[in-house]
Amino acid sequence: MPYKGHIQNGVVVLDEAANLPEGMEVEVEPCEEISRPSLAERWKDLIGIVSGMPDDMAQNHDHYIHGTPKN
């Protein structure tokens, strides 16, 4: 049975009392990430460093890479 709780001063505190024996092994899994950087934040050091590409490379990358018709 899963129990809900929160972190308080670095310790897991259950929201409701649970009758679990002392020393019982448990597994804790976060429900959600509080702050996860966006793709732009994670890749910010690489964004825009490539030079010499056509102005429409983003829109027509399949044309330049694979030879498909331009959009």
N, C-alpha and C. Protein backbone atom coordinates (compact mmCIF):
# COMPACT_ATOMS: atom_id res chain seq x y z
N MET A 1 0.85 -1.18 0.00
CA MET A 1 0.00 0.00 0.00
C MET A 1 0.89 1.24 0.00
N PRO A 2 0.67 2.16 -0.94
CA PRO A 2 1.48 3.39 -0.95
C PRO A 2 1.00 4.39 0.11
N TYR A 3 1.95 5.13 0.66
CA TYR A 3 1.66 6.18 1.63
C TYR A 3 2.15 7.50 1.05
N LYS A 4 1.41 8.56 1.30
CA LYS A 4 1.82 9.88 0.83
C LYS A 4 2.49 10.63 1.96
N GLY A 5 3.45 11.47 1.58
CA GLY A 5 4.16 12.26 2.56
C GLY A 5 4.88 13.41 1.90
N HIS A 6 5.77 14.03 2.64
CA HIS A 6 6.53 15.16 2.14
C HIS A 6 7.89 15.19 2.82
N ILE A 7 8.76 16.00 2.30
CA ILE A 7 10.09 16.16 2.89
C ILE A 7 10.06 17.35 3.85
N GLN A 8 10.53 17.13 5.05
CA GLN A 8 10.60 18.20 6.05
C GLN A 8 11.97 18.13 6.70
N ASN A 9 12.76 19.19 6.51
CA ASN A 9 14.13 19.22 7.04
C ASN A 9 14.95 18.02 6.60
N GLY A 10 14.76 17.60 5.35
CA GLY A 10 15.54 16.51 4.78
C GLY A 10 15.07 15.12 5.17
N VAL A 11 13.92 15.01 5.85
CA VAL A 11 13.41 13.71 6.30
C VAL A 11 12.03 13.49 5.70
N VAL A 12 11.73 12.25 5.30
CA VAL A 12 10.39 11.91 4.80
C VAL A 12 9.42 11.86 5.97
N VAL A 13 8.34 12.64 5.89
CA VAL A 13 7.30 12.66 6.92
C VAL A 13 6.00 12.23 6.26
N LEU A 14 5.39 11.16 6.76
CA LEU A 14 4.14 10.68 6.19
C LEU A 14 3.00 11.63 6.57
N ASP A 15 2.08 11.82 5.62
CA ASP A 15 0.95 12.72 5.87
C ASP A 15 -0.05 12.13 6.87
N GLU A 16 -0.17 10.80 6.90
CA GLU A 16 -1.05 10.13 7.86
C GLU A 16 -0.24 9.06 8.58
N ALA A 17 -0.64 8.75 9.79
CA ALA A 17 0.06 7.72 10.56
C ALA A 17 -0.03 6.38 9.84
N ALA A 18 1.04 5.62 9.88
CA ALA A 18 1.08 4.29 9.27
C ALA A 18 1.57 3.30 10.32
N ASN A 19 0.92 2.18 10.39
CA ASN A 19 1.30 1.16 11.37
C ASN A 19 2.34 0.24 10.74
N LEU A 20 3.56 0.72 10.67
CA LEU A 20 4.66 -0.03 10.08
C LEU A 20 5.62 -0.44 11.20
N PRO A 21 6.12 -1.69 11.16
CA PRO A 21 7.02 -2.13 12.22
C PRO A 21 8.36 -1.39 12.17
N GLU A 22 8.92 -1.15 13.32
CA GLU A 22 10.22 -0.49 13.45
C GLU A 22 11.27 -1.27 12.66
N GLY A 23 12.05 -0.57 11.88
CA GLY A 23 13.12 -1.19 11.12
C GLY A 23 12.70 -1.75 9.77
N MET A 24 11.41 -1.63 9.45
CA MET A 24 10.93 -2.14 8.16
C MET A 24 11.57 -1.36 7.02
N GLU A 25 12.02 -2.07 6.01
CA GLU A 25 12.61 -1.42 4.84
C GLU A 25 11.49 -0.86 3.96
N VAL A 26 11.67 0.37 3.49
CA VAL A 26 10.68 1.02 2.63
C VAL A 26 11.38 1.57 1.40
N GLU A 27 10.60 1.89 0.40
CA GLU A 27 11.12 2.48 -0.83
C GLU A 27 10.42 3.81 -1.04
N VAL A 28 11.18 4.86 -1.31
CA VAL A 28 10.62 6.20 -1.50
C VAL A 28 10.81 6.59 -2.95
N GLU A 29 9.73 7.05 -3.58
CA GLU A 29 9.78 7.46 -4.99
C GLU A 29 9.14 8.84 -5.11
N PRO A 30 9.85 9.84 -5.61
CA PRO A 30 9.28 11.18 -5.74
C PRO A 30 8.07 11.16 -6.68
N CYS A 31 7.06 11.95 -6.35
CA CYS A 31 5.85 12.05 -7.17
C CYS A 31 6.07 12.96 -8.36
N GLU A 32 6.83 14.01 -8.19
CA GLU A 32 7.08 14.96 -9.26
C GLU A 32 8.40 15.67 -9.01
N GLU A 33 8.95 16.19 -10.07
CA GLU A 33 10.18 16.97 -9.91
C GLU A 33 9.80 18.41 -9.62
N ILE A 34 10.44 19.00 -8.67
CA ILE A 34 10.10 20.36 -8.29
C ILE A 34 10.62 21.36 -9.31
N SER A 35 11.85 21.24 -9.72
CA SER A 35 12.36 22.15 -10.75
C SER A 35 13.26 21.37 -11.68
N ARG A 36 12.84 21.29 -12.91
CA ARG A 36 13.62 20.60 -13.93
C ARG A 36 13.93 21.61 -15.02
N PRO A 37 15.18 21.78 -15.35
CA PRO A 37 15.51 22.78 -16.38
C PRO A 37 14.91 22.38 -17.74
N SER A 38 14.50 23.38 -18.49
CA SER A 38 13.95 23.15 -19.83
C SER A 38 15.07 22.70 -20.77
N LEU A 39 14.69 22.21 -21.94
CA LEU A 39 15.69 21.83 -22.94
C LEU A 39 16.58 23.01 -23.30
N ALA A 40 15.97 24.18 -23.45
CA ALA A 40 16.76 25.37 -23.79
C ALA A 40 17.77 25.68 -22.70
N GLU A 41 17.38 25.52 -21.44
CA GLU A 41 18.31 25.76 -20.34
C GLU A 41 19.44 24.73 -20.31
N ARG A 42 19.09 23.46 -20.58
CA ARG A 42 20.10 22.41 -20.56
C ARG A 42 21.08 22.54 -21.73
N TRP A 43 20.63 23.02 -22.88
CA TRP A 43 21.46 23.08 -24.08
C TRP A 43 21.94 24.50 -24.40
N LYS A 44 21.76 25.43 -23.47
CA LYS A 44 22.07 26.84 -23.73
C LYS A 44 23.49 27.09 -24.21
N ASP A 45 24.45 26.28 -23.74
CA ASP A 45 25.84 26.48 -24.15
C ASP A 45 26.09 26.05 -25.59
N LEU A 46 25.19 25.27 -26.18
CA LEU A 46 25.36 24.80 -27.55
C LEU A 46 24.50 25.54 -28.55
N ILE A 47 23.42 26.18 -28.08
CA ILE A 47 22.49 26.86 -28.97
C ILE A 47 23.21 28.01 -29.68
N GLY A 48 23.16 27.97 -31.01
CA GLY A 48 23.70 29.06 -31.81
C GLY A 48 25.19 29.01 -32.08
N ILE A 49 25.89 27.94 -31.73
CA ILE A 49 27.34 27.93 -31.94
C ILE A 49 27.74 27.46 -33.34
N VAL A 50 26.81 26.85 -34.08
CA VAL A 50 27.14 26.39 -35.43
C VAL A 50 27.03 27.58 -36.38
N SER A 51 28.02 27.73 -37.24
CA SER A 51 27.99 28.84 -38.20
C SER A 51 28.09 28.29 -39.62
N GLY A 52 27.75 29.13 -40.58
CA GLY A 52 27.88 28.76 -41.99
C GLY A 52 26.72 27.93 -42.53
N MET A 53 25.62 27.89 -41.82
CA MET A 53 24.45 27.14 -42.29
C MET A 53 23.52 28.06 -43.08
N PRO A 54 22.72 27.48 -44.00
CA PRO A 54 21.75 28.30 -44.73
C PRO A 54 20.74 28.92 -43.75
N ASP A 55 20.20 30.08 -44.13
CA ASP A 55 19.24 30.78 -43.27
C ASP A 55 18.00 29.94 -42.98
N ASP A 56 17.62 29.07 -43.91
CA ASP A 56 16.41 28.26 -43.73
C ASP A 56 16.73 26.82 -43.29
N MET A 57 17.86 26.60 -42.67
CA MET A 57 18.28 25.26 -42.27
C MET A 57 17.27 24.60 -41.33
N ALA A 58 16.76 25.35 -40.35
CA ALA A 58 15.82 24.77 -39.40
C ALA A 58 14.55 24.29 -40.10
N GLN A 59 14.05 25.08 -41.02
CA GLN A 59 12.81 24.73 -41.72
C GLN A 59 13.03 23.63 -42.76
N ASN A 60 14.18 23.62 -43.42
CA ASN A 60 14.43 22.70 -44.54
C ASN A 60 15.59 21.74 -44.29
N HIS A 61 15.77 21.32 -43.04
CA HIS A 61 16.90 20.43 -42.74
C HIS A 61 16.83 19.12 -43.51
N ASP A 62 15.63 18.59 -43.75
CA ASP A 62 15.53 17.34 -44.53
C ASP A 62 16.00 17.55 -45.97
N HIS A 63 15.78 18.73 -46.50
CA HIS A 63 16.25 19.03 -47.86
C HIS A 63 17.78 19.00 -47.90
N TYR A 64 18.39 19.67 -46.95
CA TYR A 64 19.86 19.77 -46.95
C TYR A 64 20.54 18.45 -46.56
N ILE A 65 19.90 17.66 -45.71
CA ILE A 65 20.50 16.41 -45.25
C ILE A 65 20.18 15.24 -46.18
N HIS A 66 18.90 15.17 -46.63
CA HIS A 66 18.43 14.00 -47.37
C HIS A 66 18.02 14.29 -48.81
N GLY A 67 17.97 15.56 -49.20
CA GLY A 67 17.60 15.90 -50.56
C GLY A 67 16.12 15.95 -50.85
N THR A 68 15.29 15.95 -49.81
CA THR A 68 13.84 16.06 -50.04
C THR A 68 13.51 17.47 -50.53
N PRO A 69 12.31 17.65 -51.13
CA PRO A 69 11.94 19.00 -51.59
C PRO A 69 11.89 20.00 -50.43
N LYS A 70 12.20 21.27 -50.74
CA LYS A 70 12.13 22.31 -49.72
C LYS A 70 10.68 22.59 -49.37
N ASN A 71 10.46 23.05 -48.14
CA ASN A 71 9.11 23.44 -47.70
C ASN A 71 8.81 24.84 -48.16
